[in-house]
Amino acid sequence: FFFLFEADYGNKGGKDESNKTLFSRLVKNWFYPNYSTHAMKLGSLNEHDIMVELSKRSFVRCIYDIGLLQLKDKPIGASPDAIAILNLDPNAVPSYIRPKMISEWEIDSRKGFDLQPTLLLVSVELKTVISEAQKSTYSSLGLEFRQEPELISTGEEDILPVKVGSLEYYKYVPREFRGQCLSQCIVCGTQFCLIKILKCN
């Protein structure tokens, strides 16, 4: 599964993303005692190979492993698995995403200034599920995922864009990942986070 969700920093009326709730969740993420579960270890082992495969996708213009970041002048940190620039067909994405896209010319001034915006900056988060219950849940969701009207087909992978606070957001983005991905968007200065969820056999 690929989920591309927009982080709406100004959302004050979200279902469970109020400032107080969000701050509490972020603090728990930042200061929770360090530990590694079996699932986390498996995910870490797979990350490099998954990142290499992801870099070969035609819709990924470039992808960078950036490590731990801190928001400038703020005691807030995040460690996304990567930062990437996606190359998407602007006619295939929802209308609210198009104004956030940039053109090749804005990255490389040697390109024509009249190029259509096709690029989108995102933080990247890879998640691995290993329990049979989780696998069953994601298999069921996968059938519904492919029926969503806003699904973006790249020819290699399907990406489902969801907005924070929407029904699709609560349906497809697991609760335990939400705070982490939102904090990554805040620290990285991106409005979008690309989540890839994999089943470990």
C-alpha atoms as a PDB file:
ATOM      1  CA  PHE A   1       0.000   0.000   0.000  1.00  0.00           C
ATOM      2  CA  PHE A   2       1.068   3.580  -0.642  1.00  0.00           C
ATOM      3  CA  PHE A   3      -0.685   6.364   1.218  1.00  0.00           C
ATOM      4  CA  LEU A   4       0.019   9.993   0.461  1.00  0.00           C
ATOM      5  CA  PHE A   5      -1.546  12.210   3.049  1.00  0.00           C
ATOM      6  CA  GLU A   6      -1.610  15.958   3.444  1.00  0.00           C
ATOM      7  CA  ALA A   7      -0.646  17.384   6.818  1.00  0.00           C
ATOM      8  CA  ASP A   8      -3.062  20.225   7.544  1.00  0.00           C
ATOM      9  CA  TYR A   9      -1.233  22.223  10.193  1.00  0.00           C
ATOM     10  CA  GLY A  10      -4.144  24.614  10.579  1.00  0.00           C
ATOM     11  CA  ASN A  11      -6.757  21.987  11.322  1.00  0.00           C
ATOM     12  CA  LYS A  12      -8.281  22.807  14.711  1.00  0.00           C
ATOM     13  CA  GLY A  13     -11.444  20.763  14.419  1.00  0.00           C
ATOM     14  CA  GLY A  14     -10.092  17.346  13.440  1.00  0.00           C
ATOM     15  CA  LYS A  15     -11.570  14.227  14.960  1.00  0.00           C
ATOM     16  CA  ASP A  16      -8.636  13.448  17.262  1.00  0.00           C
ATOM     17  CA  GLU A  17      -5.962  15.792  15.945  1.00  0.00           C
ATOM     18  CA  SER A  18      -6.628  18.786  18.227  1.00  0.00           C
ATOM     19  CA  ASN A  19      -3.542  20.770  19.271  1.00  0.00           C
ATOM     20  CA  LYS A  20      -3.644  19.315  22.770  1.00  0.00           C
ATOM     21  CA  THR A  21      -4.032  15.711  21.581  1.00  0.00           C
ATOM     22  CA  LEU A  22      -1.410  16.104  18.866  1.00  0.00           C
ATOM     23  CA  PHE A  23       1.118  17.697  21.233  1.00  0.00           C
ATOM     24  CA  SER A  24       0.602  14.904  23.765  1.00  0.00           C
ATOM     25  CA  ARG A  25       1.155  12.265  21.084  1.00  0.00           C
ATOM     26  CA  LEU A  26       4.282  13.968  19.771  1.00  0.00           C
ATOM     27  CA  VAL A  27       5.791  14.251  23.259  1.00  0.00           C
ATOM     28  CA  LYS A  28       5.218  10.523  23.805  1.00  0.00           C
ATOM     29  CA  ASN A  29       6.942   9.787  20.481  1.00  0.00           C
ATOM     30  CA  TRP A  30       9.934  12.010  21.280  1.00  0.00           C
ATOM     31  CA  PHE A  31      10.546  11.010  24.888  1.00  0.00           C
ATOM     32  CA  TYR A  32       9.249   7.433  25.104  1.00  0.00           C
ATOM     33  CA  PRO A  33      11.945   5.018  26.392  1.00  0.00           C
ATOM     34  CA  ASN A  34      14.057   3.549  23.600  1.00  0.00           C
ATOM     35  CA  TYR A  35      13.250  -0.026  22.643  1.00  0.00           C
ATOM     36  CA  SER A  36      13.076  -2.206  19.543  1.00  0.00           C
ATOM     37  CA  THR A  37      10.346  -4.751  19.002  1.00  0.00           C
ATOM     38  CA  HIS A  38      10.755  -7.775  16.740  1.00  0.00           C
ATOM     39  CA  ALA A  39       8.683  -5.989  14.078  1.00  0.00           C
ATOM     40  CA  MET A  40      10.878  -2.879  14.288  1.00  0.00           C
ATOM     41  CA  LYS A  41      14.035  -4.964  13.860  1.00  0.00           C
ATOM     42  CA  LEU A  42      12.613  -6.752  10.812  1.00  0.00           C
ATOM     43  CA  GLY A  43      11.536  -3.426   9.333  1.00  0.00           C
ATOM     44  CA  SER A  44      15.003  -1.945   9.831  1.00  0.00           C
ATOM     45  CA  LEU A  45      16.638  -4.943   8.161  1.00  0.00           C
ATOM     46  CA  ASN A  46      14.422  -4.521   5.100  1.00  0.00           C
ATOM     47  CA  GLU A  47      14.638  -0.735   4.795  1.00  0.00           C
ATOM     48  CA  HIS A  48      17.739  -0.486   2.613  1.00  0.00           C
ATOM     49  CA  ASP A  49      16.515  -3.000   0.007  1.00  0.00           C
ATOM     50  CA  ILE A  50      13.049  -1.424  -0.056  1.00  0.00           C
ATOM     51  CA  MET A  51      14.557   2.035  -0.526  1.00  0.00           C
ATOM     52  CA  VAL A  52      16.685   0.793  -3.424  1.00  0.00           C
ATOM     53  CA  GLU A  53      13.620  -0.725  -5.100  1.00  0.00           C
ATOM     54  CA  LEU A  54      11.619   2.425  -4.468  1.00  0.00           C
ATOM     55  CA  SER A  55      14.336   4.555  -6.090  1.00  0.00           C
ATOM     56  CA  LYS A  56      13.884   2.544  -9.307  1.00  0.00           C
ATOM     57  CA  ARG A  57      10.208   3.463  -9.657  1.00  0.00           C
ATOM     58  CA  SER A  58       9.502   5.863 -12.506  1.00  0.00           C
ATOM     59  CA  PHE A  59       7.320   8.069 -10.288  1.00  0.00           C
ATOM     60  CA  VAL A  60      10.219   8.657  -7.864  1.00  0.00           C
ATOM     61  CA  ARG A  61      12.410  11.404  -9.341  1.00  0.00           C
ATOM     62  CA  CYS A  62      14.900  11.199  -6.468  1.00  0.00           C
ATOM     63  CA  ILE A  63      15.055   9.893  -2.908  1.00  0.00           C
ATOM     64  CA  TYR A  64      17.471  10.702  -0.093  1.00  0.00           C
ATOM     65  CA  ASP A  65      18.326   9.037   3.215  1.00  0.00           C
ATOM     66  CA  ILE A  66      18.595  12.020   5.571  1.00  0.00           C
ATOM     67  CA  GLY A  67      18.767  10.617   9.124  1.00  0.00           C
ATOM     68  CA  LEU A  68      17.750  12.592  12.195  1.00  0.00           C
ATOM     69  CA  LEU A  69      16.606  16.188  11.697  1.00  0.00           C
ATOM     70  CA  GLN A  70      15.800  18.983  14.121  1.00  0.00           C
ATOM     71  CA  LEU A  71      13.445  21.852  13.377  1.00  0.00           C
ATOM     72  CA  LYS A  72      15.520  25.020  13.235  1.00  0.00           C
ATOM     73  CA  ASP A  73      15.420  26.957  16.551  1.00  0.00           C
ATOM     74  CA  LYS A  74      12.923  24.449  18.003  1.00  0.00           C
ATOM     75  CA  PRO A  75      13.541  21.404  20.240  1.00  0.00           C
ATOM     76  CA  ILE A  76      11.622  19.146  17.862  1.00  0.00           C
ATOM     77  CA  GLY A  77      13.219  16.267  15.979  1.00  0.00           C
ATOM     78  CA  ALA A  78      12.169  13.598  13.501  1.00  0.00           C
ATOM     79  CA  SER A  79      13.831  10.798  11.589  1.00  0.00           C
ATOM     80  CA  PRO A  80      11.920   9.957   8.408  1.00  0.00           C
ATOM     81  CA  ASP A  81      13.111   6.969   6.434  1.00  0.00           C
ATOM     82  CA  ALA A  82      13.751   9.323   3.514  1.00  0.00           C
ATOM     83  CA  ILE A  83      12.828  12.508   1.701  1.00  0.00           C
ATOM     84  CA  ALA A  84      11.686  12.100  -1.894  1.00  0.00           C
ATOM     85  CA  ILE A  85      10.507  14.067  -4.881  1.00  0.00           C
ATOM     86  CA  LEU A  86       7.676  12.312  -6.692  1.00  0.00           C
ATOM     87  CA  ASN A  87       6.994  12.812 -10.383  1.00  0.00           C
ATOM     88  CA  LEU A  88       3.221  12.552 -10.870  1.00  0.00           C
ATOM     89  CA  ASP A  89       0.763  13.304 -13.655  1.00  0.00           C
ATOM     90  CA  PRO A  90      -0.971  16.507 -12.464  1.00  0.00           C
ATOM     91  CA  ASN A  91      -4.138  15.420 -14.258  1.00  0.00           C
ATOM     92  CA  ALA A  92      -4.239  12.233 -12.173  1.00  0.00           C
ATOM     93  CA  VAL A  93      -3.968  13.828  -8.730  1.00  0.00           C
ATOM     94  CA  PRO A  94      -6.780  15.454  -6.733  1.00  0.00           C
ATOM     95  CA  SER A  95      -7.225  19.199  -7.283  1.00  0.00           C
ATOM     96  CA  TYR A  96      -6.044  20.132  -3.770  1.00  0.00           C
ATOM     97  CA  ILE A  97      -2.599  18.630  -4.473  1.00  0.00           C
ATOM     98  CA  ARG A  98      -1.916  20.436  -7.777  1.00  0.00           C
ATOM     99  CA  PRO A  99      -1.146  23.891  -6.259  1.00  0.00           C
ATOM    100  CA  LYS A 100       1.535  22.252  -4.088  1.00  0.00           C
ATOM    101  CA  MET A 101       3.354  20.755  -7.089  1.00  0.00           C
ATOM    102  CA  ILE A 102       6.426  22.353  -8.666  1.00  0.00           C
ATOM    103  CA  SER A 103       8.020  22.069 -12.097  1.00  0.00           C
ATOM    104  CA  GLU A 104      11.423  20.768 -13.170  1.00  0.00           C
ATOM    105  CA  TRP A 105      12.367  24.375 -13.951  1.00  0.00           C
ATOM    106  CA  GLU A 106      12.135  25.291 -10.252  1.00  0.00           C
ATOM    107  CA  ILE A 107      14.775  22.627  -9.495  1.00  0.00           C
ATOM    108  CA  ASP A 108      16.927  23.042 -12.613  1.00  0.00           C
ATOM    109  CA  SER A 109      16.796  26.513 -14.199  1.00  0.00           C
ATOM    110  CA  ARG A 110      18.226  25.094 -17.433  1.00  0.00           C
ATOM    111  CA  LYS A 111      14.843  23.492 -18.061  1.00  0.00           C
ATOM    112  CA  GLY A 112      12.067  25.418 -19.818  1.00  0.00           C
ATOM    113  CA  PHE A 113      10.230  27.803 -17.487  1.00  0.00           C
ATOM    114  CA  ASP A 114       6.895  26.876 -19.042  1.00  0.00           C
ATOM    115  CA  LEU A 115       7.068  23.243 -17.907  1.00  0.00           C
ATOM    116  CA  GLN A 116       3.964  21.901 -16.222  1.00  0.00           C
ATOM    117  CA  PRO A 117       4.288  21.292 -12.464  1.00  0.00           C
ATOM    118  CA  THR A 118       4.634  17.538 -11.911  1.00  0.00           C
ATOM    119  CA  LEU A 119       6.855  17.253  -8.818  1.00  0.00           C
ATOM    120  CA  LEU A 120       5.848  16.832  -5.190  1.00  0.00           C
ATOM    121  CA  LEU A 121       8.157  16.894  -2.143  1.00  0.00           C
ATOM    122  CA  VAL A 122       7.306  14.256   0.480  1.00  0.00           C
ATOM    123  CA  SER A 123       8.739  12.668   3.579  1.00  0.00           C
ATOM    124  CA  VAL A 124       8.835   8.862   3.324  1.00  0.00           C
ATOM    125  CA  GLU A 125       7.908   6.320   5.973  1.00  0.00           C
ATOM    126  CA  LEU A 126       8.219   2.535   5.523  1.00  0.00           C
ATOM    127  CA  LYS A 127       6.253   0.204   7.772  1.00  0.00           C
ATOM    128  CA  THR A 128       6.385  -3.597   7.996  1.00  0.00           C
ATOM    129  CA  VAL A 129       3.539  -5.673   9.427  1.00  0.00           C
ATOM    130  CA  ILE A 130       4.338  -9.181  10.609  1.00  0.00           C
ATOM    131  CA  SER A 131       1.432 -10.435  12.711  1.00  0.00           C
ATOM    132  CA  GLU A 132      -1.191 -12.601  11.024  1.00  0.00           C
ATOM    133  CA  ALA A 133      -3.940 -10.321  12.346  1.00  0.00           C
ATOM    134  CA  GLN A 134      -2.313  -7.264  10.762  1.00  0.00           C
ATOM    135  CA  LYS A 135      -1.736  -9.105   7.488  1.00  0.00           C
ATOM    136  CA  SER A 136      -5.390 -10.129   7.375  1.00  0.00           C
ATOM    137  CA  THR A 137      -6.498  -6.556   8.073  1.00  0.00           C
ATOM    138  CA  TYR A 138      -4.332  -5.106   5.315  1.00  0.00           C
ATOM    139  CA  SER A 139      -5.388  -7.783   2.839  1.00  0.00           C
ATOM    140  CA  SER A 140      -9.020  -6.806   3.414  1.00  0.00           C
ATOM    141  CA  LEU A 141      -8.226  -3.101   3.187  1.00  0.00           C
ATOM    142  CA  GLY A 142      -6.288  -3.718  -0.017  1.00  0.00           C
ATOM    143  CA  LEU A 143      -9.470  -4.741  -1.828  1.00  0.00           C
ATOM    144  CA  GLU A 144     -11.213  -1.522  -0.765  1.00  0.00           C
ATOM    145  CA  PHE A 145      -8.056   0.548  -1.372  1.00  0.00           C
ATOM    146  CA  ARG A 146      -8.078  -0.317  -5.077  1.00  0.00           C
ATOM    147  CA  GLN A 147     -11.694   0.827  -5.441  1.00  0.00           C
ATOM    148  CA  GLU A 148     -11.096   4.349  -4.100  1.00  0.00           C
ATOM    149  CA  PRO A 149     -12.011   7.007  -6.719  1.00  0.00           C
ATOM    150  CA  GLU A 150      -8.959   9.211  -6.004  1.00  0.00           C
ATOM    151  CA  LEU A 151      -6.454   6.370  -6.427  1.00  0.00           C
ATOM    152  CA  ILE A 152      -3.421   7.479  -8.472  1.00  0.00           C
ATOM    153  CA  SER A 153      -2.110   4.785 -10.803  1.00  0.00           C
ATOM    154  CA  THR A 154       1.534   5.243 -11.795  1.00  0.00           C
ATOM    155  CA  GLY A 155       1.757   2.073 -13.867  1.00  0.00           C
ATOM    156  CA  GLU A 156       3.956   0.457 -11.196  1.00  0.00           C
ATOM    157  CA  GLU A 157       2.293   1.237  -7.877  1.00  0.00           C
ATOM    158  CA  ASP A 158      -1.052   2.663  -6.822  1.00  0.00           C
ATOM    159  CA  ILE A 159      -0.990   5.662  -4.479  1.00  0.00           C
ATOM    160  CA  LEU A 160      -4.008   6.738  -2.461  1.00  0.00           C
ATOM    161  CA  PRO A 161      -3.948  10.406  -1.405  1.00  0.00           C
ATOM    162  CA  VAL A 162      -5.836  11.096   1.837  1.00  0.00           C
ATOM    163  CA  LYS A 163      -6.269  14.325   3.795  1.00  0.00           C
ATOM    164  CA  VAL A 164      -5.673  14.463   7.530  1.00  0.00           C
ATOM    165  CA  GLY A 165      -9.016  14.264   9.307  1.00  0.00           C
ATOM    166  CA  SER A 166     -10.872  12.657   6.396  1.00  0.00           C
ATOM    167  CA  LEU A 167     -12.737   9.356   6.639  1.00  0.00           C
ATOM    168  CA  GLU A 168     -10.116   7.762   4.378  1.00  0.00           C
ATOM    169  CA  TYR A 169      -7.345   8.981   6.664  1.00  0.00           C
ATOM    170  CA  TYR A 170      -8.853   7.221   9.688  1.00  0.00           C
ATOM    171  CA  LYS A 171      -9.657   4.143   7.646  1.00  0.00           C
ATOM    172  CA  TYR A 172      -6.306   3.556   5.960  1.00  0.00           C
ATOM    173  CA  VAL A 173      -3.597   5.269   8.039  1.00  0.00           C
ATOM    174  CA  PRO A 174      -3.005   3.218  11.210  1.00  0.00           C
ATOM    175  CA  ARG A 175      -3.440   5.164  14.449  1.00  0.00           C
ATOM    176  CA  GLU A 176       0.050   4.255  15.669  1.00  0.00           C
ATOM    177  CA  PHE A 177       1.659   5.893  12.614  1.00  0.00           C
ATOM    178  CA  ARG A 178      -0.268   9.175  12.534  1.00  0.00           C
ATOM    179  CA  GLY A 179       1.652  11.187  15.137  1.00  0.00           C
ATOM    180  CA  GLN A 180       5.002  10.075  13.776  1.00  0.00           C
ATOM    181  CA  CYS A 181       4.185  11.036  10.195  1.00  0.00           C
ATOM    182  CA  LEU A 182       2.691  14.386  11.184  1.00  0.00           C
ATOM    183  CA  SER A 183       5.790  15.256  13.215  1.00  0.00           C
ATOM    184  CA  GLN A 184       7.954  14.358  10.204  1.00  0.00           C
ATOM    185  CA  CYS A 185       5.987  16.771   8.010  1.00  0.00           C
ATOM    186  CA  ILE A 186       6.382  19.544  10.582  1.00  0.00           C
ATOM    187  CA  VAL A 187      10.140  19.044  11.000  1.00  0.00           C
ATOM    188  CA  CYS A 188      10.881  18.482   7.309  1.00  0.00           C
ATOM    189  CA  GLY A 189       8.681  21.340   6.146  1.00  0.00           C
ATOM    190  CA  THR A 190       6.710  19.088   3.815  1.00  0.00           C
ATOM    191  CA  GLN A 191       2.946  19.004   3.538  1.00  0.00           C
ATOM    192  CA  PHE A 192       2.846  15.396   2.424  1.00  0.00           C
ATOM    193  CA  CYS A 193       4.077  12.083   3.770  1.00  0.00           C
ATOM    194  CA  LEU A 194       4.337   8.972   1.614  1.00  0.00           C
ATOM    195  CA  ILE A 195       3.693   5.823   3.649  1.00  0.00           C
ATOM    196  CA  LYS A 196       4.494   2.372   2.275  1.00  0.00           C
ATOM    197  CA  ILE A 197       3.131  -0.538   4.275  1.00  0.00           C
ATOM    198  CA  LEU A 198       4.603  -3.962   3.556  1.00  0.00           C
ATOM    199  CA  LYS A 199       3.646  -7.435   4.694  1.00  0.00           C
ATOM    200  CA  CYS A 200       6.541  -9.540   5.953  1.00  0.00           C
ATOM    201  CA  ASN A 201       6.308 -13.222   4.954  1.00  0.00           C
END
